[in-house]
Amino acid sequence: MSYKELSDLPGSLRHEFPRRAQEIYQAAYNRVYEVCMASEDHYDDRAITATAHQAALFAVGMEYEKDEQGCWRRAPISEDMDKEKISS
């Protein structure tokens, strides 16, 4: 099942993730879930749900990281990333 609203996300994610991370999770999860369901060779719903969850966590991890207290915070942009933007 896809998540229509942020309030549809599991309570653990709503509690743990900042709002923007929830939005990232929701968008990534829904996209992967929909693509897998549209695939002619899709497999069982439990596997699709697990795949979508892992992809959504990966997407959140691209912008967020857990701090020392276990709270999700925006990941700092490294100097290498800044230099790459400037040279592009």
PDB file of N, CA and C in Angstrom:
ATOM      1  N   MET A   1       0.829  -1.177   0.000  1.00  0.00           N
ATOM      2  CA  MET A   1       0.000   0.000   0.000  1.00  0.00           C
ATOM      3  C   MET A   1       0.874   1.240   0.000  1.00  0.00           C
ATOM      4  N   SER A   2       0.447   2.254  -0.681  1.00  0.00           N
ATOM      5  CA  SER A   2       1.195   3.505  -0.690  1.00  0.00           C
ATOM      6  C   SER A   2       0.651   4.420   0.416  1.00  0.00           C
ATOM      7  N   TYR A   3       1.398   5.468   0.702  1.00  0.00           N
ATOM      8  CA  TYR A   3       1.036   6.411   1.761  1.00  0.00           C
ATOM      9  C   TYR A   3       0.537   7.704   1.137  1.00  0.00           C
ATOM     10  N   LYS A   4      -0.765   7.977   1.262  1.00  0.00           N
ATOM     11  CA  LYS A   4      -1.357   9.184   0.680  1.00  0.00           C
ATOM     12  C   LYS A   4      -1.022  10.440   1.484  1.00  0.00           C
ATOM     13  N   GLU A   5      -0.969  10.304   2.788  1.00  0.00           N
ATOM     14  CA  GLU A   5      -0.697  11.426   3.685  1.00  0.00           C
ATOM     15  C   GLU A   5       0.449  11.056   4.620  1.00  0.00           C
ATOM     16  N   LEU A   6       1.138  12.062   5.144  1.00  0.00           N
ATOM     17  CA  LEU A   6       2.193  11.788   6.119  1.00  0.00           C
ATOM     18  C   LEU A   6       1.617  11.092   7.353  1.00  0.00           C
ATOM     19  N   SER A   7       0.386  11.389   7.667  1.00  0.00           N
ATOM     20  CA  SER A   7      -0.248  10.749   8.829  1.00  0.00           C
ATOM     21  C   SER A   7      -0.469   9.256   8.608  1.00  0.00           C
ATOM     22  N   ASP A   8      -0.365   8.789   7.366  1.00  0.00           N
ATOM     23  CA  ASP A   8      -0.495   7.365   7.059  1.00  0.00           C
ATOM     24  C   ASP A   8       0.800   6.592   7.333  1.00  0.00           C
ATOM     25  N   LEU A   9       1.911   7.304   7.473  1.00  0.00           N
ATOM     26  CA  LEU A   9       3.189   6.645   7.753  1.00  0.00           C
ATOM     27  C   LEU A   9       3.119   5.944   9.104  1.00  0.00           C
ATOM     28  N   PRO A  10       3.904   4.881   9.279  1.00  0.00           N
ATOM     29  CA  PRO A  10       3.939   4.239  10.596  1.00  0.00           C
ATOM     30  C   PRO A  10       4.318   5.248  11.689  1.00  0.00           C
ATOM     31  N   GLY A  11       3.716   5.090  12.843  1.00  0.00           N
ATOM     32  CA  GLY A  11       3.964   6.014  13.949  1.00  0.00           C
ATOM     33  C   GLY A  11       5.426   6.133  14.319  1.00  0.00           C
ATOM     34  N   SER A  12       6.155   5.030  14.220  1.00  0.00           N
ATOM     35  CA  SER A  12       7.577   5.070  14.568  1.00  0.00           C
ATOM     36  C   SER A  12       8.339   6.026  13.651  1.00  0.00           C
ATOM     37  N   LEU A  13       7.990   6.051  12.370  1.00  0.00           N
ATOM     38  CA  LEU A  13       8.668   6.961  11.435  1.00  0.00           C
ATOM     39  C   LEU A  13       8.233   8.400  11.672  1.00  0.00           C
ATOM     40  N   ARG A  14       6.950   8.616  11.927  1.00  0.00           N
ATOM     41  CA  ARG A  14       6.471   9.979  12.195  1.00  0.00           C
ATOM     42  C   ARG A  14       7.126  10.540  13.443  1.00  0.00           C
ATOM     43  N   HIS A  15       7.363   9.683  14.422  1.00  0.00           N
ATOM     44  CA  HIS A  15       7.986  10.118  15.675  1.00  0.00           C
ATOM     45  C   HIS A  15       9.481  10.370  15.489  1.00  0.00           C
ATOM     46  N   GLU A  16      10.125   9.527  14.697  1.00  0.00           N
ATOM     47  CA  GLU A  16      11.578   9.551  14.568  1.00  0.00           C
ATOM     48  C   GLU A  16      12.086  10.589  13.559  1.00  0.00           C
ATOM     49  N   PHE A  17      11.395  10.721  12.435  1.00  0.00           N
ATOM     50  CA  PHE A  17      11.870  11.585  11.343  1.00  0.00           C
ATOM     51  C   PHE A  17      11.331  13.003  11.454  1.00  0.00           C
ATOM     52  N   PRO A  18      12.162  14.004  11.135  1.00  0.00           N
ATOM     53  CA  PRO A  18      11.650  15.364  10.968  1.00  0.00           C
ATOM     54  C   PRO A  18      10.668  15.379   9.787  1.00  0.00           C
ATOM     55  N   ARG A  19       9.858  16.392   9.709  1.00  0.00           N
ATOM     56  CA  ARG A  19       8.822  16.465   8.660  1.00  0.00           C
ATOM     57  C   ARG A  19       9.400  16.289   7.258  1.00  0.00           C
ATOM     58  N   ARG A  20      10.474  16.992   6.936  1.00  0.00           N
ATOM     59  CA  ARG A  20      11.057  16.886   5.588  1.00  0.00           C
ATOM     60  C   ARG A  20      11.528  15.462   5.307  1.00  0.00           C
ATOM     61  N   ALA A  21      12.094  14.792   6.282  1.00  0.00           N
ATOM     62  CA  ALA A  21      12.517  13.406   6.105  1.00  0.00           C
ATOM     63  C   ALA A  21      11.305  12.507   5.872  1.00  0.00           C
ATOM     64  N   GLN A  22      10.192  12.807   6.533  1.00  0.00           N
ATOM     65  CA  GLN A  22       8.959  12.062   6.300  1.00  0.00           C
ATOM     66  C   GLN A  22       8.488  12.246   4.851  1.00  0.00           C
ATOM     67  N   GLU A  23       8.585  13.459   4.365  1.00  0.00           N
ATOM     68  CA  GLU A  23       8.177  13.743   2.977  1.00  0.00           C
ATOM     69  C   GLU A  23       9.059  12.987   1.987  1.00  0.00           C
ATOM     70  N   ILE A  24      10.351  12.962   2.251  1.00  0.00           N
ATOM     71  CA  ILE A  24      11.281  12.221   1.396  1.00  0.00           C
ATOM     72  C   ILE A  24      10.941  10.735   1.434  1.00  0.00           C
ATOM     73  N   TYR A  25      10.731  10.209   2.630  1.00  0.00           N
ATOM     74  CA  TYR A  25      10.389   8.797   2.791  1.00  0.00           C
ATOM     75  C   TYR A  25       9.111   8.470   2.016  1.00  0.00           C
ATOM     76  N   GLN A  26       8.086   9.268   2.217  1.00  0.00           N
ATOM     77  CA  GLN A  26       6.794   9.037   1.566  1.00  0.00           C
ATOM     78  C   GLN A  26       6.935   9.025   0.043  1.00  0.00           C
ATOM     79  N   ALA A  27       7.623  10.015  -0.505  1.00  0.00           N
ATOM     80  CA  ALA A  27       7.776  10.113  -1.962  1.00  0.00           C
ATOM     81  C   ALA A  27       8.559   8.929  -2.527  1.00  0.00           C
ATOM     82  N   ALA A  28       9.656   8.592  -1.875  1.00  0.00           N
ATOM     83  CA  ALA A  28      10.478   7.479  -2.361  1.00  0.00           C
ATOM     84  C   ALA A  28       9.733   6.151  -2.229  1.00  0.00           C
ATOM     85  N   TYR A  29       9.116   5.939  -1.091  1.00  0.00           N
ATOM     86  CA  TYR A  29       8.370   4.704  -0.861  1.00  0.00           C
ATOM     87  C   TYR A  29       7.277   4.541  -1.921  1.00  0.00           C
ATOM     88  N   ASN A  30       6.478   5.582  -2.094  1.00  0.00           N
ATOM     89  CA  ASN A  30       5.368   5.499  -3.042  1.00  0.00           C
ATOM     90  C   ASN A  30       5.855   5.241  -4.456  1.00  0.00           C
ATOM     91  N   ARG A  31       6.927   5.891  -4.847  1.00  0.00           N
ATOM     92  CA  ARG A  31       7.451   5.705  -6.210  1.00  0.00           C
ATOM     93  C   ARG A  31       7.905   4.265  -6.432  1.00  0.00           C
ATOM     94  N   VAL A  32       8.697   3.750  -5.527  1.00  0.00           N
ATOM     95  CA  VAL A  32       9.187   2.376  -5.671  1.00  0.00           C
ATOM     96  C   VAL A  32       8.026   1.387  -5.616  1.00  0.00           C
ATOM     97  N   TYR A  33       7.109   1.597  -4.699  1.00  0.00           N
ATOM     98  CA  TYR A  33       5.955   0.704  -4.571  1.00  0.00           C
ATOM     99  C   TYR A  33       5.142   0.683  -5.870  1.00  0.00           C
ATOM    100  N   GLU A  34       4.870   1.863  -6.416  1.00  0.00           N
ATOM    101  CA  GLU A  34       4.071   1.949  -7.646  1.00  0.00           C
ATOM    102  C   GLU A  34       4.787   1.315  -8.835  1.00  0.00           C
ATOM    103  N   VAL A  35       6.084   1.541  -8.954  1.00  0.00           N
ATOM    104  CA  VAL A  35       6.853   0.951 -10.051  1.00  0.00           C
ATOM    105  C   VAL A  35       6.849  -0.570  -9.940  1.00  0.00           C
ATOM    106  N   CYS A  36       7.063  -1.074  -8.734  1.00  0.00           N
ATOM    107  CA  CYS A  36       7.068  -2.528  -8.533  1.00  0.00           C
ATOM    108  C   CYS A  36       5.692  -3.131  -8.822  1.00  0.00           C
ATOM    109  N   MET A  37       4.637  -2.465  -8.388  1.00  0.00           N
ATOM    110  CA  MET A  37       3.290  -2.986  -8.611  1.00  0.00           C
ATOM    111  C   MET A  37       2.921  -2.952 -10.096  1.00  0.00           C
ATOM    112  N   ALA A  38       3.446  -1.987 -10.833  1.00  0.00           N
ATOM    113  CA  ALA A  38       3.147  -1.876 -12.258  1.00  0.00           C
ATOM    114  C   ALA A  38       3.950  -2.867 -13.092  1.00  0.00           C
ATOM    115  N   SER A  39       5.006  -3.401 -12.512  1.00  0.00           N
ATOM    116  CA  SER A  39       5.856  -4.345 -13.224  1.00  0.00           C
ATOM    117  C   SER A  39       5.076  -5.622 -13.520  1.00  0.00           C
ATOM    118  N   GLU A  40       5.236  -6.122 -14.716  1.00  0.00           N
ATOM    119  CA  GLU A  40       4.517  -7.338 -15.102  1.00  0.00           C
ATOM    120  C   GLU A  40       5.006  -8.549 -14.319  1.00  0.00           C
ATOM    121  N   ASP A  41       6.233  -8.499 -13.855  1.00  0.00           N
ATOM    122  CA  ASP A  41       6.764  -9.643 -13.118  1.00  0.00           C
ATOM    123  C   ASP A  41       6.846  -9.359 -11.616  1.00  0.00           C
ATOM    124  N   HIS A  42       5.908  -8.519 -11.108  1.00  0.00           N
ATOM    125  CA  HIS A  42       5.970  -8.205  -9.675  1.00  0.00           C
ATOM    126  C   HIS A  42       5.691  -9.443  -8.839  1.00  0.00           C
ATOM    127  N   TYR A  43       6.256  -9.433  -7.658  1.00  0.00           N
ATOM    128  CA  TYR A  43       6.148 -10.564  -6.754  1.00  0.00           C
ATOM    129  C   TYR A  43       5.204 -10.210  -5.620  1.00  0.00           C
ATOM    130  N   ASP A  44       5.264 -10.896  -4.532  1.00  0.00           N
ATOM    131  CA  ASP A  44       4.281 -10.700  -3.465  1.00  0.00           C
ATOM    132  C   ASP A  44       4.371  -9.320  -2.822  1.00  0.00           C
ATOM    133  N   ASP A  45       3.250  -8.896  -2.282  1.00  0.00           N
ATOM    134  CA  ASP A  45       3.129  -7.554  -1.704  1.00  0.00           C
ATOM    135  C   ASP A  45       4.093  -7.341  -0.550  1.00  0.00           C
ATOM    136  N   ARG A  46       4.359  -8.363   0.229  1.00  0.00           N
ATOM    137  CA  ARG A  46       5.281  -8.230   1.364  1.00  0.00           C
ATOM    138  C   ARG A  46       6.685  -7.878   0.873  1.00  0.00           C
ATOM    139  N   ALA A  47       7.124  -8.511  -0.202  1.00  0.00           N
ATOM    140  CA  ALA A  47       8.450  -8.222  -0.757  1.00  0.00           C
ATOM    141  C   ALA A  47       8.502  -6.822  -1.353  1.00  0.00           C
ATOM    142  N   ILE A  48       7.434  -6.413  -2.019  1.00  0.00           N
ATOM    143  CA  ILE A  48       7.385  -5.060  -2.592  1.00  0.00           C
ATOM    144  C   ILE A  48       7.433  -4.025  -1.475  1.00  0.00           C
ATOM    145  N   THR A  49       6.683  -4.262  -0.425  1.00  0.00           N
ATOM    146  CA  THR A  49       6.673  -3.344   0.720  1.00  0.00           C
ATOM    147  C   THR A  49       8.068  -3.233   1.334  1.00  0.00           C
ATOM    148  N   ALA A  50       8.746  -4.353   1.489  1.00  0.00           N
ATOM    149  CA  ALA A  50      10.100  -4.344   2.060  1.00  0.00           C
ATOM    150  C   ALA A  50      11.071  -3.595   1.152  1.00  0.00           C
ATOM    151  N   THR A  51      10.955  -3.815  -0.156  1.00  0.00           N
ATOM    152  CA  THR A  51      11.826  -3.131  -1.117  1.00  0.00           C
ATOM    153  C   THR A  51      11.583  -1.625  -1.080  1.00  0.00           C
ATOM    154  N   ALA A  52      10.313  -1.229  -1.051  1.00  0.00           N
ATOM    155  CA  ALA A  52       9.973   0.197  -1.013  1.00  0.00           C
ATOM    156  C   ALA A  52      10.471   0.839   0.277  1.00  0.00           C
ATOM    157  N   HIS A  53      10.352   0.131   1.384  1.00  0.00           N
ATOM    158  CA  HIS A  53      10.830   0.646   2.670  1.00  0.00           C
ATOM    159  C   HIS A  53      12.345   0.860   2.648  1.00  0.00           C
ATOM    160  N   GLN A  54      13.083  -0.113   2.150  1.00  0.00           N
ATOM    161  CA  GLN A  54      14.544   0.007   2.085  1.00  0.00           C
ATOM    162  C   GLN A  54      14.958   1.167   1.178  1.00  0.00           C
ATOM    163  N   ALA A  55      14.282   1.313   0.045  1.00  0.00           N
ATOM    164  CA  ALA A  55      14.591   2.418  -0.867  1.00  0.00           C
ATOM    165  C   ALA A  55      14.279   3.766  -0.222  1.00  0.00           C
ATOM    166  N   ALA A  56      13.178   3.834   0.512  1.00  0.00           N
ATOM    167  CA  ALA A  56      12.792   5.084   1.170  1.00  0.00           C
ATOM    168  C   ALA A  56      13.781   5.442   2.275  1.00  0.00           C
ATOM    169  N   LEU A  57      14.227   4.447   3.031  1.00  0.00           N
ATOM    170  CA  LEU A  57      15.240   4.716   4.058  1.00  0.00           C
ATOM    171  C   LEU A  57      16.545   5.199   3.428  1.00  0.00           C
ATOM    172  N   PHE A  58      16.902   4.606   2.302  1.00  0.00           N
ATOM    173  CA  PHE A  58      18.106   5.034   1.589  1.00  0.00           C
ATOM    174  C   PHE A  58      17.961   6.493   1.151  1.00  0.00           C
ATOM    175  N   ALA A  59      16.785   6.845   0.621  1.00  0.00           N
ATOM    176  CA  ALA A  59      16.542   8.222   0.176  1.00  0.00           C
ATOM    177  C   ALA A  59      16.654   9.203   1.336  1.00  0.00           C
ATOM    178  N   VAL A  60      16.101   8.852   2.480  1.00  0.00           N
ATOM    179  CA  VAL A  60      16.213   9.709   3.663  1.00  0.00           C
ATOM    180  C   VAL A  60      17.682   9.839   4.060  1.00  0.00           C
ATOM    181  N   GLY A  61      18.407   8.733   4.008  1.00  0.00           N
ATOM    182  CA  GLY A  61      19.818   8.729   4.387  1.00  0.00           C
ATOM    183  C   GLY A  61      20.704   9.559   3.474  1.00  0.00           C
ATOM    184  N   MET A  62      20.204   9.909   2.299  1.00  0.00           N
ATOM    185  CA  MET A  62      20.969  10.773   1.403  1.00  0.00           C
ATOM    186  C   MET A  62      21.012  12.212   1.912  1.00  0.00           C
ATOM    187  N   GLU A  63      20.010  12.615   2.700  1.00  0.00           N
ATOM    188  CA  GLU A  63      19.955  13.985   3.218  1.00  0.00           C
ATOM    189  C   GLU A  63      20.067  14.075   4.737  1.00  0.00           C
ATOM    190  N   TYR A  64      19.774  12.976   5.406  1.00  0.00           N
ATOM    191  CA  TYR A  64      19.735  12.974   6.869  1.00  0.00           C
ATOM    192  C   TYR A  64      20.653  11.900   7.422  1.00  0.00           C
ATOM    193  N   GLU A  65      21.060  12.113   8.665  1.00  0.00           N
ATOM    194  CA  GLU A  65      21.840  11.113   9.385  1.00  0.00           C
ATOM    195  C   GLU A  65      21.463  11.199  10.855  1.00  0.00           C
ATOM    196  N   LYS A  66      21.713  10.121  11.561  1.00  0.00           N
ATOM    197  CA  LYS A  66      21.436  10.124  12.994  1.00  0.00           C
ATOM    198  C   LYS A  66      22.595  10.772  13.731  1.00  0.00           C
ATOM    199  N   ASP A  67      22.267  11.611  14.709  1.00  0.00           N
ATOM    200  CA  ASP A  67      23.313  12.227  15.518  1.00  0.00           C
ATOM    201  C   ASP A  67      23.674  11.307  16.683  1.00  0.00           C
ATOM    202  N   GLU A  68      24.513  11.784  17.589  1.00  0.00           N
ATOM    203  CA  GLU A  68      24.991  10.971  18.702  1.00  0.00           C
ATOM    204  C   GLU A  68      23.860  10.505  19.618  1.00  0.00           C
ATOM    205  N   GLN A  69      22.779  11.273  19.662  1.00  0.00           N
ATOM    206  CA  GLN A  69      21.643  10.910  20.513  1.00  0.00           C
ATOM    207  C   GLN A  69      20.627  10.030  19.773  1.00  0.00           C
ATOM    208  N   GLY A  70      20.910   9.710  18.525  1.00  0.00           N
ATOM    209  CA  GLY A  70      20.003   8.868  17.746  1.00  0.00           C
ATOM    210  C   GLY A  70      18.890   9.623  17.057  1.00  0.00           C
ATOM    211  N   CYS A  71      18.992  10.964  17.021  1.00  0.00           N
ATOM    212  CA  CYS A  71      17.988  11.791  16.359  1.00  0.00           C
ATOM    213  C   CYS A  71      18.403  12.055  14.913  1.00  0.00           C
ATOM    214  N   TRP A  72      17.444  12.044  14.016  1.00  0.00           N
ATOM    215  CA  TRP A  72      17.721  12.316  12.603  1.00  0.00           C
ATOM    216  C   TRP A  72      17.878  13.814  12.398  1.00  0.00           C
ATOM    217  N   ARG A  73      18.996  14.204  11.799  1.00  0.00           N
ATOM    218  CA  ARG A  73      19.312  15.610  11.501  1.00  0.00           C
ATOM    219  C   ARG A  73      19.791  15.699  10.062  1.00  0.00           C
ATOM    220  N   ARG A  74      19.626  16.873   9.479  1.00  0.00           N
ATOM    221  CA  ARG A  74      20.162  17.061   8.131  1.00  0.00           C
ATOM    222  C   ARG A  74      21.652  16.817   8.151  1.00  0.00           C
ATOM    223  N   ALA A  75      22.103  16.055   7.180  1.00  0.00           N
ATOM    224  CA  ALA A  75      23.531  15.766   7.083  1.00  0.00           C
ATOM    225  C   ALA A  75      24.257  17.017   6.599  1.00  0.00           C
ATOM    226  N   PRO A  76      25.406  17.304   7.186  1.00  0.00           N
ATOM    227  CA  PRO A  76      26.176  18.458   6.713  1.00  0.00           C
ATOM    228  C   PRO A  76      26.684  18.207   5.301  1.00  0.00           C
ATOM    229  N   ILE A  77      26.767  19.265   4.534  1.00  0.00           N
ATOM    230  CA  ILE A  77      27.302  19.161   3.174  1.00  0.00           C
ATOM    231  C   ILE A  77      28.815  19.210   3.269  1.00  0.00           C
ATOM    232  N   SER A  78      29.444  18.229   2.676  1.00  0.00           N
ATOM    233  CA  SER A  78      30.901  18.176   2.752  1.00  0.00           C
ATOM    234  C   SER A  78      31.517  19.218   1.830  1.00  0.00           C
ATOM    235  N   GLU A  79      32.756  19.571   2.114  1.00  0.00           N
ATOM    236  CA  GLU A  79      33.467  20.533   1.273  1.00  0.00           C
ATOM    237  C   GLU A  79      33.618  20.002  -0.140  1.00  0.00           C
ATOM    238  N   ASP A  80      33.793  18.689  -0.288  1.00  0.00           N
ATOM    239  CA  ASP A  80      33.922  18.103  -1.610  1.00  0.00           C
ATOM    240  C   ASP A  80      32.680  18.345  -2.441  1.00  0.00           C
ATOM    241  N   MET A  81      31.503  18.247  -1.819  1.00  0.00           N
ATOM    242  CA  MET A  81      30.263  18.476  -2.532  1.00  0.00           C
ATOM    243  C   MET A  81      30.159  19.932  -2.952  1.00  0.00           C
ATOM    244  N   ASP A  82      30.554  20.851  -2.069  1.00  0.00           N
ATOM    245  CA  ASP A  82      30.534  22.269  -2.400  1.00  0.00           C
ATOM    246  C   ASP A  82      31.450  22.569  -3.581  1.00  0.00           C
ATOM    247  N   LYS A  83      32.637  21.992  -3.589  1.00  0.00           N
ATOM    248  CA  LYS A  83      33.589  22.221  -4.667  1.00  0.00           C
ATOM    249  C   LYS A  83      33.045  21.683  -5.983  1.00  0.00           C
ATOM    250  N   GLU A  84      32.361  20.537  -5.919  1.00  0.00           N
ATOM    251  CA  GLU A  84      31.816  19.938  -7.140  1.00  0.00           C
ATOM    252  C   GLU A  84      30.735  20.819  -7.724  1.00  0.00           C
ATOM    253  N   LYS A  85      29.891  21.424  -6.878  1.00  0.00           N
ATOM    254  CA  LYS A  85      28.837  22.312  -7.364  1.00  0.00           C
ATOM    255  C   LYS A  85      29.442  23.520  -8.068  1.00  0.00           C
ATOM    256  N   ILE A  86      30.487  24.072  -7.489  1.00  0.00           N
ATOM    257  CA  ILE A  86      31.123  25.264  -8.040  1.00  0.00           C
ATOM    258  C   ILE A  86      31.760  24.968  -9.381  1.00  0.00           C
ATOM    259  N   SER A  87      32.388  23.810  -9.523  1.00  0.00           N
ATOM    260  CA  SER A  87      33.102  23.485 -10.770  1.00  0.00           C
ATOM    261  C   SER A  87      32.160  23.017 -11.867  1.00  0.00           C
ATOM    262  N   SER A  88      30.901  22.711 -11.536  1.00  0.00           N
ATOM    263  CA  SER A  88      29.957  22.231 -12.564  1.00  0.00           C
ATOM    264  C   SER A  88      29.466  23.332 -13.454  1.00  0.00           C
TER     265      SER A  88
END
